[in-house]
């Protein structure tokens, strides 16, 4: 059975990432987003609150990550 495609997100600075899963940080219970950089394969995690927050840019506020729609 083929693995479903992972959702792709673009960081406000331009890099693209694939969302692997969500996880719970053991010590604090904070929900974490676990993701992989599409260009390098490096795996990262950050709190969901940061993942979903708006950031200030010269173009105005925008989401830190936004989902990239793909033709599937």
PDB file of N, CA and C in Angstrom:
ATOM      1  N   UNK A   1       0.849  -1.172   0.000  1.00  0.00           N
ATOM      2  CA  UNK A   1       0.000   0.000   0.000  1.00  0.00           C
ATOM      3  C   UNK A   1       0.898   1.241   0.000  1.00  0.00           C
ATOM      4  N   UNK A   2       0.694   2.163  -0.949  1.00  0.00           N
ATOM      5  CA  UNK A   2       1.535   3.365  -0.994  1.00  0.00           C
ATOM      6  C   UNK A   2       1.228   4.303   0.170  1.00  0.00           C
ATOM      7  N   UNK A   3       2.277   4.977   0.627  1.00  0.00           N
ATOM      8  CA  UNK A   3       2.126   5.949   1.710  1.00  0.00           C
ATOM      9  C   UNK A   3       1.477   7.216   1.155  1.00  0.00           C
ATOM     10  N   UNK A   4       0.498   7.773   1.864  1.00  0.00           N
ATOM     11  CA  UNK A   4      -0.119   9.014   1.375  1.00  0.00           C
ATOM     12  C   UNK A   4       0.895  10.156   1.370  1.00  0.00           C
ATOM     13  N   UNK A   5       0.681  11.094   0.472  1.00  0.00           N
ATOM     14  CA  UNK A   5       1.574  12.253   0.384  1.00  0.00           C
ATOM     15  C   UNK A   5       1.492  13.069   1.666  1.00  0.00           C
ATOM     16  N   UNK A   6       2.638  13.552   2.116  1.00  0.00           N
ATOM     17  CA  UNK A   6       2.684  14.403   3.306  1.00  0.00           C
ATOM     18  C   UNK A   6       2.272  15.822   2.929  1.00  0.00           C
ATOM     19  N   UNK A   7       1.549  16.516   3.817  1.00  0.00           N
ATOM     20  CA  UNK A   7       1.178  17.899   3.522  1.00  0.00           C
ATOM     21  C   UNK A   7       2.429  18.782   3.436  1.00  0.00           C
ATOM     22  N   UNK A   8       2.441  19.651   2.444  1.00  0.00           N
ATOM     23  CA  UNK A   8       3.583  20.545   2.194  1.00  0.00           C
ATOM     24  C   UNK A   8       3.225  21.953   2.659  1.00  0.00           C
ATOM     25  N   UNK A   9       4.179  22.577   3.364  1.00  0.00           N
ATOM     26  CA  UNK A   9       3.998  23.936   3.863  1.00  0.00           C
ATOM     27  C   UNK A   9       5.176  24.794   3.433  1.00  0.00           C
ATOM     28  N   UNK A  10       4.913  26.080   3.234  1.00  0.00           N
ATOM     29  CA  UNK A  10       5.978  27.033   2.918  1.00  0.00           C
ATOM     30  C   UNK A  10       6.136  27.976   4.102  1.00  0.00           C
ATOM     31  N   UNK A  11       7.375  28.107   4.561  1.00  0.00           N
ATOM     32  CA  UNK A  11       7.723  29.051   5.625  1.00  0.00           C
ATOM     33  C   UNK A  11       7.683  30.455   5.033  1.00  0.00           C
ATOM     34  N   UNK A  12       7.388  31.434   5.849  1.00  0.00           N
ATOM     35  CA  UNK A  12       7.276  32.804   5.337  1.00  0.00           C
ATOM     36  C   UNK A  12       8.572  33.309   4.710  1.00  0.00           C
ATOM     37  N   UNK A  13       9.726  32.687   5.036  1.00  0.00           N
ATOM     38  CA  UNK A  13      10.993  33.078   4.424  1.00  0.00           C
ATOM     39  C   UNK A  13      11.241  32.330   3.116  1.00  0.00           C
ATOM     40  N   UNK A  14      10.359  31.371   2.757  1.00  0.00           N
ATOM     41  CA  UNK A  14      10.431  30.745   1.439  1.00  0.00           C
ATOM     42  C   UNK A  14      10.715  29.259   1.373  1.00  0.00           C
ATOM     43  N   UNK A  15      11.349  28.681   2.384  1.00  0.00           N
ATOM     44  CA  UNK A  15      11.681  27.250   2.337  1.00  0.00           C
ATOM     45  C   UNK A  15      10.405  26.416   2.457  1.00  0.00           C
ATOM     46  N   UNK A  16      10.433  25.219   1.855  1.00  0.00           N
ATOM     47  CA  UNK A  16       9.283  24.323   1.932  1.00  0.00           C
ATOM     48  C   UNK A  16       9.584  23.137   2.833  1.00  0.00           C
ATOM     49  N   UNK A  17       8.530  22.695   3.527  1.00  0.00           N
ATOM     50  CA  UNK A  17       8.638  21.623   4.513  1.00  0.00           C
ATOM     51  C   UNK A  17       7.479  20.659   4.351  1.00  0.00           C
ATOM     52  N   UNK A  18       7.723  19.405   4.729  1.00  0.00           N
ATOM     53  CA  UNK A  18       6.682  18.383   4.755  1.00  0.00           C
ATOM     54  C   UNK A  18       6.356  18.095   6.211  1.00  0.00           C
ATOM     55  N   UNK A  19       5.083  18.152   6.563  1.00  0.00           N
ATOM     56  CA  UNK A  19       4.660  17.891   7.936  1.00  0.00           C
ATOM     57  C   UNK A  19       4.609  16.386   8.150  1.00  0.00           C
ATOM     58  N   UNK A  20       5.460  15.895   9.056  1.00  0.00           N
ATOM     59  CA  UNK A  20       5.533  14.461   9.329  1.00  0.00           C
ATOM     60  C   UNK A  20       4.455  14.017  10.295  1.00  0.00           C
ATOM     61  N   UNK A  21       4.309  14.732  11.423  1.00  0.00           N
ATOM     62  CA  UNK A  21       3.340  14.345  12.443  1.00  0.00           C
ATOM     63  C   UNK A  21       3.300  15.419  13.510  1.00  0.00           C
ATOM     64  N   UNK A  22       2.400  15.227  14.469  1.00  0.00           N
ATOM     65  CA  UNK A  22       2.429  16.026  15.678  1.00  0.00           C
ATOM     66  C   UNK A  22       2.924  15.122  16.801  1.00  0.00           C
ATOM     67  N   UNK A  23       3.504  15.727  17.816  1.00  0.00           N
ATOM     68  CA  UNK A  23       4.050  14.973  18.946  1.00  0.00           C
ATOM     69  C   UNK A  23       3.805  15.777  20.214  1.00  0.00           C
ATOM     70  N   UNK A  24       3.938  15.120  21.341  1.00  0.00           N
ATOM     71  CA  UNK A  24       3.794  15.788  22.632  1.00  0.00           C
ATOM     72  C   UNK A  24       5.145  15.830  23.321  1.00  0.00           C
ATOM     73  N   UNK A  25       5.580  17.026  23.714  1.00  0.00           N
ATOM     74  CA  UNK A  25       6.833  17.177  24.436  1.00  0.00           C
ATOM     75  C   UNK A  25       6.593  16.609  25.833  1.00  0.00           C
ATOM     76  N   UNK A  26       7.373  15.609  26.197  1.00  0.00           N
ATOM     77  CA  UNK A  26       7.129  14.833  27.408  1.00  0.00           C
ATOM     78  C   UNK A  26       7.098  15.678  28.680  1.00  0.00           C
ATOM     79  N   UNK A  27       8.067  16.540  28.873  1.00  0.00           N
ATOM     80  CA  UNK A  27       8.189  17.272  30.135  1.00  0.00           C
ATOM     81  C   UNK A  27       7.095  18.312  30.339  1.00  0.00           C
ATOM     82  N   UNK A  28       6.648  18.946  29.249  1.00  0.00           N
ATOM     83  CA  UNK A  28       5.692  20.050  29.385  1.00  0.00           C
ATOM     84  C   UNK A  28       4.299  19.730  28.864  1.00  0.00           C
ATOM     85  N   UNK A  29       4.184  18.693  28.039  1.00  0.00           N
ATOM     86  CA  UNK A  29       2.907  18.372  27.417  1.00  0.00           C
ATOM     87  C   UNK A  29       2.575  19.249  26.225  1.00  0.00           C
ATOM     88  N   UNK A  30       3.522  20.089  25.811  1.00  0.00           N
ATOM     89  CA  UNK A  30       3.308  20.983  24.683  1.00  0.00           C
ATOM     90  C   UNK A  30       3.215  20.191  23.381  1.00  0.00           C
ATOM     91  N   UNK A  31       2.204  20.511  22.582  1.00  0.00           N
ATOM     92  CA  UNK A  31       2.079  19.854  21.279  1.00  0.00           C
ATOM     93  C   UNK A  31       3.130  20.428  20.329  1.00  0.00           C
ATOM     94  N   UNK A  32       3.834  19.544  19.649  1.00  0.00           N
ATOM     95  CA  UNK A  32       4.912  19.911  18.734  1.00  0.00           C
ATOM     96  C   UNK A  32       4.549  19.491  17.315  1.00  0.00           C
ATOM     97  N   UNK A  33       4.989  20.265  16.350  1.00  0.00           N
ATOM     98  CA  UNK A  33       4.856  19.920  14.943  1.00  0.00           C
ATOM     99  C   UNK A  33       6.207  19.370  14.509  1.00  0.00           C
ATOM    100  N   UNK A  34       6.233  18.192  13.927  1.00  0.00           N
ATOM    101  CA  UNK A  34       7.470  17.555  13.478  1.00  0.00           C
ATOM    102  C   UNK A  34       7.463  17.606  11.958  1.00  0.00           C
ATOM    103  N   UNK A  35       8.498  18.211  11.382  1.00  0.00           N
ATOM    104  CA  UNK A  35       8.499  18.451   9.945  1.00  0.00           C
ATOM    105  C   UNK A  35       9.899  18.298   9.369  1.00  0.00           C
ATOM    106  N   UNK A  36       9.944  18.079   8.064  1.00  0.00           N
ATOM    107  CA  UNK A  36      11.210  17.835   7.376  1.00  0.00           C
ATOM    108  C   UNK A  36      11.383  18.875   6.279  1.00  0.00           C
ATOM    109  N   UNK A  37      12.575  19.436   6.185  1.00  0.00           N
ATOM    110  CA  UNK A  37      12.854  20.410   5.135  1.00  0.00           C
ATOM    111  C   UNK A  37      12.934  19.669   3.804  1.00  0.00           C
ATOM    112  N   UNK A  38      12.130  20.094   2.838  1.00  0.00           N
ATOM    113  CA  UNK A  38      12.047  19.392   1.558  1.00  0.00           C
ATOM    114  C   UNK A  38      13.389  19.370   0.825  1.00  0.00           C
ATOM    115  N   UNK A  39      14.172  20.419   0.922  1.00  0.00           N
ATOM    116  CA  UNK A  39      15.414  20.501   0.156  1.00  0.00           C
ATOM    117  C   UNK A  39      16.585  19.740   0.770  1.00  0.00           C
ATOM    118  N   UNK A  40      16.595  19.592   2.113  1.00  0.00           N
ATOM    119  CA  UNK A  40      17.764  18.984   2.756  1.00  0.00           C
ATOM    120  C   UNK A  40      17.472  17.668   3.471  1.00  0.00           C
ATOM    121  N   UNK A  41      16.198  17.426   3.802  1.00  0.00           N
ATOM    122  CA  UNK A  41      15.843  16.236   4.567  1.00  0.00           C
ATOM    123  C   UNK A  41      16.058  16.393   6.062  1.00  0.00           C
ATOM    124  N   UNK A  42      16.470  17.568   6.503  1.00  0.00           N
ATOM    125  CA  UNK A  42      16.697  17.808   7.926  1.00  0.00           C
ATOM    126  C   UNK A  42      15.354  17.872   8.652  1.00  0.00           C
ATOM    127  N   UNK A  43      15.266  17.194   9.814  1.00  0.00           N
ATOM    128  CA  UNK A  43      14.025  17.135  10.583  1.00  0.00           C
ATOM    129  C   UNK A  43      14.054  18.171  11.702  1.00  0.00           C
ATOM    130  N   UNK A  44      12.921  18.855  11.877  1.00  0.00           N
ATOM    131  CA  UNK A  44      12.772  19.890  12.891  1.00  0.00           C
ATOM    132  C   UNK A  44      11.494  19.645  13.685  1.00  0.00           C
ATOM    133  N   UNK A  45      11.386  20.313  14.826  1.00  0.00           N
ATOM    134  CA  UNK A  45      10.112  20.386  15.534  1.00  0.00           C
ATOM    135  C   UNK A  45      10.010  21.765  16.167  1.00  0.00           C
ATOM    136  N   UNK A  46       8.786  22.207  16.344  1.00  0.00           N
ATOM    137  CA  UNK A  46       8.526  23.469  17.032  1.00  0.00           C
ATOM    138  C   UNK A  46       7.138  23.391  17.623  1.00  0.00           C
ATOM    139  N   UNK A  47       6.875  24.161  18.674  1.00  0.00           N
ATOM    140  CA  UNK A  47       5.550  24.139  19.279  1.00  0.00           C
ATOM    141  C   UNK A  47       4.462  24.528  18.265  1.00  0.00           C
ATOM    142  N   UNK A  48       3.312  23.873  18.379  1.00  0.00           N
ATOM    143  CA  UNK A  48       2.192  24.176  17.479  1.00  0.00           C
ATOM    144  C   UNK A  48       1.857  25.663  17.500  1.00  0.00           C
ATOM    145  N   UNK A  49       1.903  26.294  18.678  1.00  0.00           N
ATOM    146  CA  UNK A  49       1.568  27.718  18.775  1.00  0.00           C
ATOM    147  C   UNK A  49       2.478  28.557  17.877  1.00  0.00           C
ATOM    148  N   UNK A  50       3.763  28.241  17.810  1.00  0.00           N
ATOM    149  CA  UNK A  50       4.684  28.961  16.916  1.00  0.00           C
ATOM    150  C   UNK A  50       4.360  28.646  15.461  1.00  0.00           C
ATOM    151  N   UNK A  51       4.103  27.363  15.184  1.00  0.00           N
ATOM    152  CA  UNK A  51       3.793  26.931  13.812  1.00  0.00           C
ATOM    153  C   UNK A  51       2.614  27.735  13.260  1.00  0.00           C
ATOM    154  N   UNK A  52       1.603  27.960  14.097  1.00  0.00           N
ATOM    155  CA  UNK A  52       0.367  28.587  13.647  1.00  0.00           C
ATOM    156  C   UNK A  52       0.349  30.110  13.795  1.00  0.00           C
ATOM    157  N   UNK A  53       1.376  30.706  14.410  1.00  0.00           N
ATOM    158  CA  UNK A  53       1.325  32.141  14.678  1.00  0.00           C
ATOM    159  C   UNK A  53       1.555  32.988  13.432  1.00  0.00           C
ATOM    160  N   UNK A  54       1.102  34.216  13.539  1.00  0.00           N
ATOM    161  CA  UNK A  54       1.349  35.220  12.509  1.00  0.00           C
ATOM    162  C   UNK A  54       2.674  35.912  12.834  1.00  0.00           C
ATOM    163  N   UNK A  55       3.418  36.255  11.783  1.00  0.00           N
ATOM    164  CA  UNK A  55       4.688  36.959  11.959  1.00  0.00           C
ATOM    165  C   UNK A  55       4.636  38.278  11.199  1.00  0.00           C
ATOM    166  N   UNK A  56       5.403  39.246  11.679  1.00  0.00           N
ATOM    167  CA  UNK A  56       5.474  40.544  11.018  1.00  0.00           C
ATOM    168  C   UNK A  56       6.547  40.497   9.941  1.00  0.00           C
ATOM    169  N   UNK A  57       6.197  40.970   8.761  1.00  0.00           N
ATOM    170  CA  UNK A  57       7.146  41.054   7.648  1.00  0.00           C
ATOM    171  C   UNK A  57       7.013  42.445   7.025  1.00  0.00           C
ATOM    172  N   UNK A  58       7.951  42.844   6.167  1.00  0.00           N
ATOM    173  CA  UNK A  58       7.807  44.134   5.476  1.00  0.00           C
ATOM    174  C   UNK A  58       6.515  44.226   4.656  1.00  0.00           C
ATOM    175  N   UNK A  59       5.975  43.087   4.245  1.00  0.00           N
ATOM    176  CA  UNK A  59       4.732  43.053   3.475  1.00  0.00           C
ATOM    177  C   UNK A  59       3.494  43.021   4.378  1.00  0.00           C
ATOM    178  N   UNK A  60       3.710  43.015   5.683  1.00  0.00           N
ATOM    179  CA  UNK A  60       2.610  42.953   6.646  1.00  0.00           C
ATOM    180  C   UNK A  60       2.562  41.592   7.317  1.00  0.00           C
ATOM    181  N   UNK A  61       1.611  41.396   8.227  1.00  0.00           N
ATOM    182  CA  UNK A  61       1.505  40.125   8.945  1.00  0.00           C
ATOM    183  C   UNK A  61       1.167  38.977   7.988  1.00  0.00           C
ATOM    184  N   UNK A  62       1.766  37.828   8.251  1.00  0.00           N
ATOM    185  CA  UNK A  62       1.438  36.626   7.491  1.00  0.00           C
ATOM    186  C   UNK A  62       1.717  35.401   8.346  1.00  0.00           C
ATOM    187  N   UNK A  63       1.116  34.266   7.998  1.00  0.00           N
ATOM    188  CA  UNK A  63       1.357  33.067   8.794  1.00  0.00           C
ATOM    189  C   UNK A  63       2.814  32.622   8.691  1.00  0.00           C
ATOM    190  N   UNK A  64       3.353  32.090   9.790  1.00  0.00           N
ATOM    191  CA  UNK A  64       4.722  31.567   9.769  1.00  0.00           C
ATOM    192  C   UNK A  64       4.840  30.467   8.716  1.00  0.00           C
ATOM    193  N   UNK A  65       3.853  29.579   8.663  1.00  0.00           N
ATOM    194  CA  UNK A  65       3.787  28.513   7.655  1.00  0.00           C
ATOM    195  C   UNK A  65       2.423  28.573   6.989  1.00  0.00           C
ATOM    196  N   UNK A  66       2.379  28.375   5.677  1.00  0.00           N
ATOM    197  CA  UNK A  66       1.079  28.235   5.023  1.00  0.00           C
ATOM    198  C   UNK A  66       1.121  27.000   4.127  1.00  0.00           C
ATOM    199  N   UNK A  67      -0.010  26.333   4.063  1.00  0.00           N
ATOM    200  CA  UNK A  67      -0.113  25.099   3.304  1.00  0.00           C
ATOM    201  C   UNK A  67      -0.002  25.394   1.822  1.00  0.00           C
ATOM    202  N   UNK A  68       0.783  24.562   1.131  1.00  0.00           N
ATOM    203  CA  UNK A  68       0.962  24.685  -0.311  1.00  0.00           C
ATOM    204  C   UNK A  68       0.018  23.686  -0.959  1.00  0.00           C
ATOM    205  N   UNK A  69      -0.873  24.175  -1.770  1.00  0.00           N
ATOM    206  CA  UNK A  69      -1.806  23.285  -2.467  1.00  0.00           C
ATOM    207  C   UNK A  69      -1.063  22.617  -3.619  1.00  0.00           C
ATOM    208  N   UNK A  70      -1.252  21.309  -3.727  1.00  0.00           N
ATOM    209  CA  UNK A  70      -0.601  20.558  -4.794  1.00  0.00           C
ATOM    210  C   UNK A  70      -1.652  19.941  -5.693  1.00  0.00           C
ATOM    211  N   UNK A  71      -1.289  19.696  -6.918  1.00  0.00           N
ATOM    212  CA  UNK A  71      -2.180  19.014  -7.852  1.00  0.00           C
ATOM    213  C   UNK A  71      -1.984  17.517  -7.686  1.00  0.00           C
ATOM    214  N   UNK A  72      -2.878  16.880  -6.943  1.00  0.00           N
ATOM    215  CA  UNK A  72      -2.756  15.444  -6.704  1.00  0.00           C
ATOM    216  C   UNK A  72      -3.987  14.723  -7.182  1.00  0.00           C
TER     217      UNK A  72
END
